[in-house]
């Protein structure tokens, strides 16, 4: 499930935490991707839209938002849909959170450019 969503990003998270909290890395991946993402109620595309919205609304989760924007692209969400999702969050989370998320999207899209 994890590889379908974000390719190698999960492995990078595990590596980054290996020296300080390897068990945390396990929990960080097993619960969301082993339990929540595997539930039948939503497809991966819908789950990533919800995740992008939530992380955008937080306003302080840029690294995680970047990973999930790239994951959204991996599961078929268009750039336009990602931007619209972030813009929708301005209504509920405020313009600063949406502006921060748009900056992250710009960087994530640049990473994804051919």
PDB file of N, CA and C in Angstrom:
ATOM      1  N   UNK A   1       0.834  -1.196   0.000  1.00  0.00           N
ATOM      2  CA  UNK A   1       0.000   0.000   0.000  1.00  0.00           C
ATOM      3  C   UNK A   1       0.878   1.259   0.000  1.00  0.00           C
ATOM      4  N   UNK A   2       1.873   1.294   0.868  1.00  0.00           N
ATOM      5  CA  UNK A   2       2.737   2.469   0.980  1.00  0.00           C
ATOM      6  C   UNK A   2       3.423   2.789  -0.339  1.00  0.00           C
ATOM      7  N   UNK A   3       3.945   1.779  -1.017  1.00  0.00           N
ATOM      8  CA  UNK A   3       4.644   2.025  -2.277  1.00  0.00           C
ATOM      9  C   UNK A   3       3.726   2.580  -3.351  1.00  0.00           C
ATOM     10  N   UNK A   4       2.454   2.181  -3.337  1.00  0.00           N
ATOM     11  CA  UNK A   4       1.486   2.727  -4.295  1.00  0.00           C
ATOM     12  C   UNK A   4       1.293   4.222  -4.073  1.00  0.00           C
ATOM     13  N   UNK A   5       1.347   4.621  -2.822  1.00  0.00           N
ATOM     14  CA  UNK A   5       1.053   6.005  -2.481  1.00  0.00           C
ATOM     15  C   UNK A   5       2.267   6.895  -2.667  1.00  0.00           C
ATOM     16  N   UNK A   6       3.372   6.542  -2.042  1.00  0.00           N
ATOM     17  CA  UNK A   6       4.487   7.490  -2.082  1.00  0.00           C
ATOM     18  C   UNK A   6       5.825   6.908  -2.496  1.00  0.00           C
ATOM     19  N   UNK A   7       5.821   5.802  -3.156  1.00  0.00           N
ATOM     20  CA  UNK A   7       7.066   5.264  -3.683  1.00  0.00           C
ATOM     21  C   UNK A   7       8.094   5.035  -2.592  1.00  0.00           C
ATOM     22  N   UNK A   8       9.192   5.753  -2.662  1.00  0.00           N
ATOM     23  CA  UNK A   8      10.309   5.541  -1.748  1.00  0.00           C
ATOM     24  C   UNK A   8      10.313   6.482  -0.549  1.00  0.00           C
ATOM     25  N   UNK A   9       9.338   7.355  -0.422  1.00  0.00           N
ATOM     26  CA  UNK A   9       9.336   8.319   0.680  1.00  0.00           C
ATOM     27  C   UNK A   9       9.266   7.623   2.031  1.00  0.00           C
ATOM     28  N   UNK A  10       8.517   6.559   2.136  1.00  0.00           N
ATOM     29  CA  UNK A  10       8.422   5.826   3.396  1.00  0.00           C
ATOM     30  C   UNK A  10       9.762   5.276   3.830  1.00  0.00           C
ATOM     31  N   UNK A  11      10.511   4.750   2.880  1.00  0.00           N
ATOM     32  CA  UNK A  11      11.841   4.219   3.195  1.00  0.00           C
ATOM     33  C   UNK A  11      12.762   5.333   3.681  1.00  0.00           C
ATOM     34  N   UNK A  12      12.645   6.506   3.095  1.00  0.00           N
ATOM     35  CA  UNK A  12      13.474   7.637   3.538  1.00  0.00           C
ATOM     36  C   UNK A  12      13.131   8.058   4.964  1.00  0.00           C
ATOM     37  N   UNK A  13      11.841   7.994   5.319  1.00  0.00           N
ATOM     38  CA  UNK A  13      11.427   8.329   6.684  1.00  0.00           C
ATOM     39  C   UNK A  13      12.031   7.331   7.668  1.00  0.00           C
ATOM     40  N   UNK A  14      11.961   6.057   7.336  1.00  0.00           N
ATOM     41  CA  UNK A  14      12.524   5.022   8.204  1.00  0.00           C
ATOM     42  C   UNK A  14      14.027   5.245   8.381  1.00  0.00           C
ATOM     43  N   UNK A  15      14.716   5.527   7.296  1.00  0.00           N
ATOM     44  CA  UNK A  15      16.154   5.786   7.371  1.00  0.00           C
ATOM     45  C   UNK A  15      16.463   7.004   8.232  1.00  0.00           C
ATOM     46  N   UNK A  16      15.678   8.061   8.082  1.00  0.00           N
ATOM     47  CA  UNK A  16      15.924   9.295   8.824  1.00  0.00           C
ATOM     48  C   UNK A  16      15.724   9.116  10.324  1.00  0.00           C
ATOM     49  N   UNK A  17      14.878   8.178  10.715  1.00  0.00           N
ATOM     50  CA  UNK A  17      14.595   7.956  12.135  1.00  0.00           C
ATOM     51  C   UNK A  17      15.365   6.775  12.725  1.00  0.00           C
ATOM     52  N   UNK A  18      16.101   6.052  11.895  1.00  0.00           N
ATOM     53  CA  UNK A  18      16.770   4.826  12.338  1.00  0.00           C
ATOM     54  C   UNK A  18      17.706   5.047  13.514  1.00  0.00           C
ATOM     55  N   UNK A  19      18.397   6.160  13.529  1.00  0.00           N
ATOM     56  CA  UNK A  19      19.382   6.381  14.590  1.00  0.00           C
ATOM     57  C   UNK A  19      18.778   6.932  15.877  1.00  0.00           C
ATOM     58  N   UNK A  20      17.572   7.461  15.819  1.00  0.00           N
ATOM     59  CA  UNK A  20      17.000   8.073  17.011  1.00  0.00           C
ATOM     60  C   UNK A  20      15.727   7.374  17.508  1.00  0.00           C
ATOM     61  N   UNK A  21      14.878   6.934  16.613  1.00  0.00           N
ATOM     62  CA  UNK A  21      13.605   6.330  17.042  1.00  0.00           C
ATOM     63  C   UNK A  21      13.089   5.332  16.008  1.00  0.00           C
ATOM     64  N   UNK A  22      13.788   4.215  15.842  1.00  0.00           N
ATOM     65  CA  UNK A  22      13.353   3.256  14.817  1.00  0.00           C
ATOM     66  C   UNK A  22      11.957   2.694  15.068  1.00  0.00           C
ATOM     67  N   UNK A  23      11.580   2.520  16.324  1.00  0.00           N
ATOM     68  CA  UNK A  23      10.231   2.029  16.610  1.00  0.00           C
ATOM     69  C   UNK A  23       9.174   3.040  16.182  1.00  0.00           C
ATOM     70  N   UNK A  24       9.477   4.330  16.356  1.00  0.00           N
ATOM     71  CA  UNK A  24       8.537   5.365  15.932  1.00  0.00           C
ATOM     72  C   UNK A  24       8.317   5.309  14.430  1.00  0.00           C
ATOM     73  N   UNK A  25       9.378   5.083  13.675  1.00  0.00           N
ATOM     74  CA  UNK A  25       9.256   4.966  12.222  1.00  0.00           C
ATOM     75  C   UNK A  25       8.320   3.815  11.856  1.00  0.00           C
ATOM     76  N   UNK A  26       8.440   2.730  12.573  1.00  0.00           N
ATOM     77  CA  UNK A  26       7.556   1.586  12.331  1.00  0.00           C
ATOM     78  C   UNK A  26       6.104   1.960  12.587  1.00  0.00           C
ATOM     79  N   UNK A  27       5.842   2.595  13.726  1.00  0.00           N
ATOM     80  CA  UNK A  27       4.472   3.009  14.055  1.00  0.00           C
ATOM     81  C   UNK A  27       3.943   4.003  13.030  1.00  0.00           C
ATOM     82  N   UNK A  28       4.811   4.911  12.624  1.00  0.00           N
ATOM     83  CA  UNK A  28       4.434   5.959  11.680  1.00  0.00           C
ATOM     84  C   UNK A  28       3.964   5.382  10.343  1.00  0.00           C
ATOM     85  N   UNK A  29       4.494   4.251   9.970  1.00  0.00           N
ATOM     86  CA  UNK A  29       4.113   3.637   8.699  1.00  0.00           C
ATOM     87  C   UNK A  29       3.047   2.551   8.858  1.00  0.00           C
ATOM     88  N   UNK A  30       3.171   1.735   9.903  1.00  0.00           N
ATOM     89  CA  UNK A  30       2.234   0.622  10.049  1.00  0.00           C
ATOM     90  C   UNK A  30       0.800   1.066  10.314  1.00  0.00           C
ATOM     91  N   UNK A  31       0.609   2.037  11.197  1.00  0.00           N
ATOM     92  CA  UNK A  31      -0.761   2.447  11.515  1.00  0.00           C
ATOM     93  C   UNK A  31      -1.449   3.093  10.320  1.00  0.00           C
ATOM     94  N   UNK A  32      -0.878   4.173   9.735  1.00  0.00           N
ATOM     95  CA  UNK A  32      -1.625   4.771   8.625  1.00  0.00           C
ATOM     96  C   UNK A  32      -1.743   3.854   7.411  1.00  0.00           C
ATOM     97  N   UNK A  33      -0.623   3.240   6.999  1.00  0.00           N
ATOM     98  CA  UNK A  33      -0.662   2.489   5.746  1.00  0.00           C
ATOM     99  C   UNK A  33      -1.071   1.038   5.927  1.00  0.00           C
ATOM    100  N   UNK A  34      -0.838   0.473   7.088  1.00  0.00           N
ATOM    101  CA  UNK A  34      -1.256  -0.895   7.345  1.00  0.00           C
ATOM    102  C   UNK A  34      -2.705  -0.997   7.782  1.00  0.00           C
ATOM    103  N   UNK A  35      -3.188   0.023   8.486  1.00  0.00           N
ATOM    104  CA  UNK A  35      -4.545  -0.022   9.036  1.00  0.00           C
ATOM    105  C   UNK A  35      -5.499   0.946   8.336  1.00  0.00           C
ATOM    106  N   UNK A  36      -5.205   2.223   8.368  1.00  0.00           N
ATOM    107  CA  UNK A  36      -6.148   3.233   7.886  1.00  0.00           C
ATOM    108  C   UNK A  36      -6.259   3.242   6.361  1.00  0.00           C
ATOM    109  N   UNK A  37      -5.153   3.364   5.659  1.00  0.00           N
ATOM    110  CA  UNK A  37      -5.204   3.422   4.193  1.00  0.00           C
ATOM    111  C   UNK A  37      -5.756   2.131   3.587  1.00  0.00           C
ATOM    112  N   UNK A  38      -5.645   1.026   4.299  1.00  0.00           N
ATOM    113  CA  UNK A  38      -6.105  -0.260   3.778  1.00  0.00           C
ATOM    114  C   UNK A  38      -7.614  -0.466   3.951  1.00  0.00           C
ATOM    115  N   UNK A  39      -8.276   0.415   4.668  1.00  0.00           N
ATOM    116  CA  UNK A  39      -9.717   0.272   4.868  1.00  0.00           C
ATOM    117  C   UNK A  39     -10.448   0.428   3.523  1.00  0.00           C
ATOM    118  N   UNK A  40     -11.596  -0.216   3.385  1.00  0.00           N
ATOM    119  CA  UNK A  40     -12.289  -0.214   2.093  1.00  0.00           C
ATOM    120  C   UNK A  40     -13.137   1.019   1.787  1.00  0.00           C
ATOM    121  N   UNK A  41     -13.344   1.921   2.723  1.00  0.00           N
ATOM    122  CA  UNK A  41     -14.301   3.007   2.525  1.00  0.00           C
ATOM    123  C   UNK A  41     -13.926   4.073   1.513  1.00  0.00           C
ATOM    124  N   UNK A  42     -12.643   4.303   1.291  1.00  0.00           N
ATOM    125  CA  UNK A  42     -12.172   5.318   0.338  1.00  0.00           C
ATOM    126  C   UNK A  42     -11.054   4.735  -0.507  1.00  0.00           C
ATOM    127  N   UNK A  43     -10.953   5.194  -1.747  1.00  0.00           N
ATOM    128  CA  UNK A  43      -9.813   4.783  -2.555  1.00  0.00           C
ATOM    129  C   UNK A  43      -8.600   5.656  -2.201  1.00  0.00           C
ATOM    130  N   UNK A  44      -7.442   5.295  -2.722  1.00  0.00           N
ATOM    131  CA  UNK A  44      -6.213   6.024  -2.396  1.00  0.00           C
ATOM    132  C   UNK A  44      -6.284   7.487  -2.816  1.00  0.00           C
ATOM    133  N   UNK A  45      -6.909   7.747  -3.929  1.00  0.00           N
ATOM    134  CA  UNK A  45      -7.036   9.114  -4.432  1.00  0.00           C
ATOM    135  C   UNK A  45      -7.808   9.983  -3.431  1.00  0.00           C
ATOM    136  N   UNK A  46      -8.945   9.487  -2.967  1.00  0.00           N
ATOM    137  CA  UNK A  46      -9.753  10.236  -1.996  1.00  0.00           C
ATOM    138  C   UNK A  46      -9.003  10.405  -0.683  1.00  0.00           C
ATOM    139  N   UNK A  47      -8.292   9.380  -0.262  1.00  0.00           N
ATOM    140  CA  UNK A  47      -7.531   9.481   0.984  1.00  0.00           C
ATOM    141  C   UNK A  47      -6.440  10.536   0.881  1.00  0.00           C
ATOM    142  N   UNK A  48      -5.790  10.617  -0.250  1.00  0.00           N
ATOM    143  CA  UNK A  48      -4.733  11.617  -0.415  1.00  0.00           C
ATOM    144  C   UNK A  48      -5.310  13.030  -0.502  1.00  0.00           C
ATOM    145  N   UNK A  49      -6.461  13.201  -1.127  1.00  0.00           N
ATOM    146  CA  UNK A  49      -7.103  14.526  -1.144  1.00  0.00           C
ATOM    147  C   UNK A  49      -7.409  14.953   0.287  1.00  0.00           C
ATOM    148  N   UNK A  50      -7.959  14.041   1.082  1.00  0.00           N
ATOM    149  CA  UNK A  50      -8.266  14.364   2.481  1.00  0.00           C
ATOM    150  C   UNK A  50      -6.993  14.680   3.257  1.00  0.00           C
ATOM    151  N   UNK A  51      -5.937  13.951   3.005  1.00  0.00           N
ATOM    152  CA  UNK A  51      -4.674  14.174   3.714  1.00  0.00           C
ATOM    153  C   UNK A  51      -4.060  15.505   3.323  1.00  0.00           C
ATOM    154  N   UNK A  52      -4.084  15.829   2.041  1.00  0.00           N
ATOM    155  CA  UNK A  52      -3.564  17.119   1.582  1.00  0.00           C
ATOM    156  C   UNK A  52      -4.357  18.254   2.221  1.00  0.00           C
ATOM    157  N   UNK A  53      -5.670  18.104   2.287  1.00  0.00           N
ATOM    158  CA  UNK A  53      -6.502  19.131   2.912  1.00  0.00           C
ATOM    159  C   UNK A  53      -6.148  19.288   4.392  1.00  0.00           C
ATOM    160  N   UNK A  54      -6.039  18.183   5.101  1.00  0.00           N
ATOM    161  CA  UNK A  54      -5.752  18.249   6.535  1.00  0.00           C
ATOM    162  C   UNK A  54      -4.382  18.853   6.808  1.00  0.00           C
ATOM    163  N   UNK A  55      -3.379  18.425   6.078  1.00  0.00           N
ATOM    164  CA  UNK A  55      -2.034  18.958   6.299  1.00  0.00           C
ATOM    165  C   UNK A  55      -1.955  20.425   5.901  1.00  0.00           C
ATOM    166  N   UNK A  56      -2.676  20.813   4.870  1.00  0.00           N
ATOM    167  CA  UNK A  56      -2.736  22.229   4.481  1.00  0.00           C
ATOM    168  C   UNK A  56      -3.374  23.045   5.595  1.00  0.00           C
ATOM    169  N   UNK A  57      -4.445  22.533   6.153  1.00  0.00           N
ATOM    170  CA  UNK A  57      -5.162  23.252   7.202  1.00  0.00           C
ATOM    171  C   UNK A  57      -4.319  23.409   8.466  1.00  0.00           C
ATOM    172  N   UNK A  58      -3.475  22.444   8.750  1.00  0.00           N
ATOM    173  CA  UNK A  58      -2.607  22.560   9.920  1.00  0.00           C
ATOM    174  C   UNK A  58      -1.691  23.779   9.806  1.00  0.00           C
ATOM    175  N   UNK A  59      -1.193  24.008   8.609  1.00  0.00           N
ATOM    176  CA  UNK A  59      -0.353  25.178   8.388  1.00  0.00           C
ATOM    177  C   UNK A  59       1.079  25.051   8.874  1.00  0.00           C
ATOM    178  N   UNK A  60       1.417  23.944   9.528  1.00  0.00           N
ATOM    179  CA  UNK A  60       2.765  23.796  10.077  1.00  0.00           C
ATOM    180  C   UNK A  60       3.362  22.420   9.803  1.00  0.00           C
ATOM    181  N   UNK A  61       2.943  21.806   8.725  1.00  0.00           N
ATOM    182  CA  UNK A  61       3.385  20.448   8.413  1.00  0.00           C
ATOM    183  C   UNK A  61       3.955  20.373   6.994  1.00  0.00           C
ATOM    184  N   UNK A  62       4.797  21.332   6.658  1.00  0.00           N
ATOM    185  CA  UNK A  62       5.312  21.418   5.291  1.00  0.00           C
ATOM    186  C   UNK A  62       5.995  20.138   4.800  1.00  0.00           C
ATOM    187  N   UNK A  63       6.889  19.519   5.569  1.00  0.00           N
ATOM    188  CA  UNK A  63       7.527  18.303   5.034  1.00  0.00           C
ATOM    189  C   UNK A  63       6.529  17.185   4.752  1.00  0.00           C
ATOM    190  N   UNK A  64       5.565  17.019   5.646  1.00  0.00           N
ATOM    191  CA  UNK A  64       4.569  15.971   5.450  1.00  0.00           C
ATOM    192  C   UNK A  64       3.643  16.318   4.281  1.00  0.00           C
ATOM    193  N   UNK A  65       3.287  17.585   4.157  1.00  0.00           N
ATOM    194  CA  UNK A  65       2.443  18.010   3.044  1.00  0.00           C
ATOM    195  C   UNK A  65       3.144  17.761   1.720  1.00  0.00           C
ATOM    196  N   UNK A  66       4.416  18.052   1.660  1.00  0.00           N
ATOM    197  CA  UNK A  66       5.179  17.827   0.423  1.00  0.00           C
ATOM    198  C   UNK A  66       5.126  16.351   0.024  1.00  0.00           C
ATOM    199  N   UNK A  67       5.339  15.465   0.988  1.00  0.00           N
ATOM    200  CA  UNK A  67       5.285  14.025   0.715  1.00  0.00           C
ATOM    201  C   UNK A  67       3.908  13.643   0.183  1.00  0.00           C
ATOM    202  N   UNK A  68       2.852  14.182   0.788  1.00  0.00           N
ATOM    203  CA  UNK A  68       1.507  13.778   0.377  1.00  0.00           C
ATOM    204  C   UNK A  68       1.053  14.457  -0.913  1.00  0.00           C
ATOM    205  N   UNK A  69       1.585  15.610  -1.229  1.00  0.00           N
ATOM    206  CA  UNK A  69       1.310  16.188  -2.558  1.00  0.00           C
ATOM    207  C   UNK A  69       1.918  15.292  -3.626  1.00  0.00           C
ATOM    208  N   UNK A  70       3.140  14.865  -3.403  1.00  0.00           N
ATOM    209  CA  UNK A  70       3.778  13.961  -4.369  1.00  0.00           C
ATOM    210  C   UNK A  70       3.027  12.624  -4.426  1.00  0.00           C
ATOM    211  N   UNK A  71       2.566  12.150  -3.263  1.00  0.00           N
ATOM    212  CA  UNK A  71       1.776  10.919  -3.237  1.00  0.00           C
ATOM    213  C   UNK A  71       0.471  11.115  -4.009  1.00  0.00           C
ATOM    214  N   UNK A  72      -0.151  12.285  -3.849  1.00  0.00           N
ATOM    215  CA  UNK A  72      -1.372  12.578  -4.593  1.00  0.00           C
ATOM    216  C   UNK A  72      -1.144  12.519  -6.089  1.00  0.00           C
ATOM    217  N   UNK A  73      -0.041  13.083  -6.531  1.00  0.00           N
ATOM    218  CA  UNK A  73       0.295  12.999  -7.952  1.00  0.00           C
ATOM    219  C   UNK A  73       0.480  11.545  -8.375  1.00  0.00           C
ATOM    220  N   UNK A  74       1.096  10.746  -7.499  1.00  0.00           N
ATOM    221  CA  UNK A  74       1.324   9.323  -7.798  1.00  0.00           C
ATOM    222  C   UNK A  74       0.041   8.531  -7.948  1.00  0.00           C
ATOM    223  N   UNK A  75      -1.018   8.939  -7.246  1.00  0.00           N
ATOM    224  CA  UNK A  75      -2.275   8.180  -7.316  1.00  0.00           C
ATOM    225  C   UNK A  75      -3.307   8.834  -8.236  1.00  0.00           C
ATOM    226  N   UNK A  76      -2.870   9.803  -9.036  1.00  0.00           N
ATOM    227  CA  UNK A  76      -3.743  10.334 -10.083  1.00  0.00           C
ATOM    228  C   UNK A  76      -4.444  11.640  -9.799  1.00  0.00           C
ATOM    229  N   UNK A  77      -4.086  12.331  -8.736  1.00  0.00           N
ATOM    230  CA  UNK A  77      -4.669  13.650  -8.492  1.00  0.00           C
ATOM    231  C   UNK A  77      -3.907  14.645  -9.357  1.00  0.00           C
ATOM    232  N   UNK A  78      -4.630  15.487 -10.064  1.00  0.00           N
ATOM    233  CA  UNK A  78      -3.968  16.466 -10.930  1.00  0.00           C
ATOM    234  C   UNK A  78      -3.441  17.638 -10.107  1.00  0.00           C
ATOM    235  N   UNK A  79      -2.524  18.371 -10.676  1.00  0.00           N
ATOM    236  CA  UNK A  79      -2.020  19.585 -10.025  1.00  0.00           C
ATOM    237  C   UNK A  79      -3.152  20.554  -9.744  1.00  0.00           C
ATOM    238  N   UNK A  80      -4.064  20.678 -10.689  1.00  0.00           N
ATOM    239  CA  UNK A  80      -5.200  21.588 -10.524  1.00  0.00           C
ATOM    240  C   UNK A  80      -6.070  21.174  -9.339  1.00  0.00           C
ATOM    241  N   UNK A  81      -6.297  19.880  -9.195  1.00  0.00           N
ATOM    242  CA  UNK A  81      -7.101  19.401  -8.066  1.00  0.00           C
ATOM    243  C   UNK A  81      -6.394  19.656  -6.732  1.00  0.00           C
ATOM    244  N   UNK A  82      -5.093  19.501  -6.724  1.00  0.00           N
ATOM    245  CA  UNK A  82      -4.332  19.780  -5.500  1.00  0.00           C
ATOM    246  C   UNK A  82      -4.433  21.256  -5.145  1.00  0.00           C
ATOM    247  N   UNK A  83      -4.273  22.128  -6.128  1.00  0.00           N
ATOM    248  CA  UNK A  83      -4.381  23.574  -5.884  1.00  0.00           C
ATOM    249  C   UNK A  83      -5.781  23.928  -5.396  1.00  0.00           C
ATOM    250  N   UNK A  84      -6.806  23.371  -6.010  1.00  0.00           N
ATOM    251  CA  UNK A  84      -8.180  23.644  -5.573  1.00  0.00           C
ATOM    252  C   UNK A  84      -8.424  23.152  -4.153  1.00  0.00           C
ATOM    253  N   UNK A  85      -7.870  22.007  -3.813  1.00  0.00           N
ATOM    254  CA  UNK A  85      -8.005  21.482  -2.452  1.00  0.00           C
ATOM    255  C   UNK A  85      -7.371  22.449  -1.459  1.00  0.00           C
ATOM    256  N   UNK A  86      -6.196  22.932  -1.781  1.00  0.00           N
ATOM    257  CA  UNK A  86      -5.502  23.879  -0.894  1.00  0.00           C
ATOM    258  C   UNK A  86      -6.276  25.191  -0.810  1.00  0.00           C
ATOM    259  N   UNK A  87      -6.748  25.685  -1.925  1.00  0.00           N
ATOM    260  CA  UNK A  87      -7.511  26.938  -1.917  1.00  0.00           C
ATOM    261  C   UNK A  87      -8.769  26.801  -1.061  1.00  0.00           C
ATOM    262  N   UNK A  88      -9.417  25.652  -1.096  1.00  0.00           N
ATOM    263  CA  UNK A  88     -10.602  25.404  -0.271  1.00  0.00           C
ATOM    264  C   UNK A  88     -10.268  25.553   1.213  1.00  0.00           C
ATOM    265  N   UNK A  89      -9.054  25.199   1.583  1.00  0.00           N
ATOM    266  CA  UNK A  89      -8.658  25.272   2.990  1.00  0.00           C
ATOM    267  C   UNK A  89      -8.535  26.708   3.486  1.00  0.00           C
ATOM    268  N   UNK A  90      -8.367  27.676   2.586  1.00  0.00           N
ATOM    269  CA  UNK A  90      -8.306  29.087   3.002  1.00  0.00           C
ATOM    270  C   UNK A  90      -9.593  29.488   3.712  1.00  0.00           C
ATOM    271  N   UNK A  91     -10.712  28.928   3.290  1.00  0.00           N
ATOM    272  CA  UNK A  91     -11.999  29.257   3.887  1.00  0.00           C
ATOM    273  C   UNK A  91     -12.072  28.764   5.332  1.00  0.00           C
ATOM    274  N   UNK A  92     -11.529  27.598   5.596  1.00  0.00           N
ATOM    275  CA  UNK A  92     -11.686  26.961   6.901  1.00  0.00           C
ATOM    276  C   UNK A  92     -10.463  27.079   7.800  1.00  0.00           C
ATOM    277  N   UNK A  93      -9.281  27.194   7.211  1.00  0.00           N
ATOM    278  CA  UNK A  93      -8.053  27.239   8.014  1.00  0.00           C
ATOM    279  C   UNK A  93      -7.361  28.595   7.955  1.00  0.00           C
ATOM    280  N   UNK A  94      -7.793  29.443   7.033  1.00  0.00           N
ATOM    281  CA  UNK A  94      -7.214  30.772   6.915  1.00  0.00           C
ATOM    282  C   UNK A  94      -6.246  30.895   5.751  1.00  0.00           C
ATOM    283  N   UNK A  95      -6.061  32.135   5.351  1.00  0.00           N
ATOM    284  CA  UNK A  95      -5.174  32.405   4.225  1.00  0.00           C
ATOM    285  C   UNK A  95      -3.711  32.077   4.518  1.00  0.00           C
ATOM    286  N   UNK A  96      -3.190  32.329   5.720  1.00  0.00           N
ATOM    287  CA  UNK A  96      -1.795  31.972   5.967  1.00  0.00           C
ATOM    288  C   UNK A  96      -1.523  30.475   5.765  1.00  0.00           C
ATOM    289  N   UNK A  97      -2.409  29.630   6.265  1.00  0.00           N
ATOM    290  CA  UNK A  97      -2.219  28.186   6.084  1.00  0.00           C
ATOM    291  C   UNK A  97      -2.257  27.821   4.602  1.00  0.00           C
ATOM    292  N   UNK A  98      -3.195  28.395   3.862  1.00  0.00           N
ATOM    293  CA  UNK A  98      -3.296  28.109   2.428  1.00  0.00           C
ATOM    294  C   UNK A  98      -2.071  28.633   1.677  1.00  0.00           C
ATOM    295  N   UNK A  99      -1.596  29.803   2.034  1.00  0.00           N
ATOM    296  CA  UNK A  99      -0.391  30.347   1.387  1.00  0.00           C
ATOM    297  C   UNK A  99       0.818  29.454   1.640  1.00  0.00           C
ATOM    298  N   UNK A 100       0.960  28.995   2.875  1.00  0.00           N
ATOM    299  CA  UNK A 100       2.064  28.077   3.184  1.00  0.00           C
ATOM    300  C   UNK A 100       1.952  26.802   2.361  1.00  0.00           C
ATOM    301  N   UNK A 101       0.745  26.274   2.255  1.00  0.00           N
ATOM    302  CA  UNK A 101       0.527  25.045   1.497  1.00  0.00           C
ATOM    303  C   UNK A 101       0.789  25.252   0.009  1.00  0.00           C
ATOM    304  N   UNK A 102       0.408  26.400  -0.523  1.00  0.00           N
ATOM    305  CA  UNK A 102       0.684  26.687  -1.943  1.00  0.00           C
ATOM    306  C   UNK A 102       2.183  26.761  -2.213  1.00  0.00           C
ATOM    307  N   UNK A 103       2.933  27.302  -1.268  1.00  0.00           N
ATOM    308  CA  UNK A 103       4.392  27.345  -1.425  1.00  0.00           C
ATOM    309  C   UNK A 103       4.968  25.925  -1.450  1.00  0.00           C
ATOM    310  N   UNK A 104       4.453  25.068  -0.602  1.00  0.00           N
ATOM    311  CA  UNK A 104       4.894  23.671  -0.594  1.00  0.00           C
ATOM    312  C   UNK A 104       4.521  22.999  -1.908  1.00  0.00           C
ATOM    313  N   UNK A 105       3.306  23.256  -2.399  1.00  0.00           N
ATOM    314  CA  UNK A 105       2.869  22.671  -3.671  1.00  0.00           C
ATOM    315  C   UNK A 105       3.779  23.112  -4.805  1.00  0.00           C
ATOM    316  N   UNK A 106       4.130  24.381  -4.830  1.00  0.00           N
ATOM    317  CA  UNK A 106       5.023  24.877  -5.881  1.00  0.00           C
ATOM    318  C   UNK A 106       6.322  24.072  -5.889  1.00  0.00           C
ATOM    319  N   UNK A 107       6.898  23.872  -4.713  1.00  0.00           N
ATOM    320  CA  UNK A 107       8.145  23.111  -4.617  1.00  0.00           C
ATOM    321  C   UNK A 107       7.954  21.654  -5.008  1.00  0.00           C
ATOM    322  N   UNK A 108       6.860  21.059  -4.553  1.00  0.00           N
ATOM    323  CA  UNK A 108       6.605  19.658  -4.888  1.00  0.00           C
ATOM    324  C   UNK A 108       6.386  19.484  -6.381  1.00  0.00           C
ATOM    325  N   UNK A 109       5.691  20.419  -7.004  1.00  0.00           N
ATOM    326  CA  UNK A 109       5.476  20.347  -8.449  1.00  0.00           C
ATOM    327  C   UNK A 109       6.801  20.507  -9.187  1.00  0.00           C
ATOM    328  N   UNK A 110       7.673  21.368  -8.691  1.00  0.00           N
ATOM    329  CA  UNK A 110       8.986  21.555  -9.326  1.00  0.00           C
ATOM    330  C   UNK A 110       9.808  20.266  -9.240  1.00  0.00           C
ATOM    331  N   UNK A 111       9.693  19.557  -8.109  1.00  0.00           N
ATOM    332  CA  UNK A 111      10.387  18.278  -7.956  1.00  0.00           C
ATOM    333  C   UNK A 111       9.881  17.273  -8.963  1.00  0.00           C
ATOM    334  N   UNK A 112       8.608  17.375  -9.315  1.00  0.00           N
ATOM    335  CA  UNK A 112       7.949  16.412 -10.185  1.00  0.00           C
ATOM    336  C   UNK A 112       8.095  16.768 -11.663  1.00  0.00           C
ATOM    337  N   UNK A 113       8.655  17.940 -11.955  1.00  0.00           N
ATOM    338  CA  UNK A 113       8.780  18.402 -13.351  1.00  0.00           C
ATOM    339  C   UNK A 113       9.721  17.500 -14.131  1.00  0.00           C
ATOM    340  N   UNK A 114       9.420  17.319 -15.412  1.00  0.00           N
ATOM    341  CA  UNK A 114      10.282  16.470 -16.249  1.00  0.00           C
ATOM    342  C   UNK A 114      11.663  17.045 -16.446  1.00  0.00           C
TER     343      UNK A 114
END
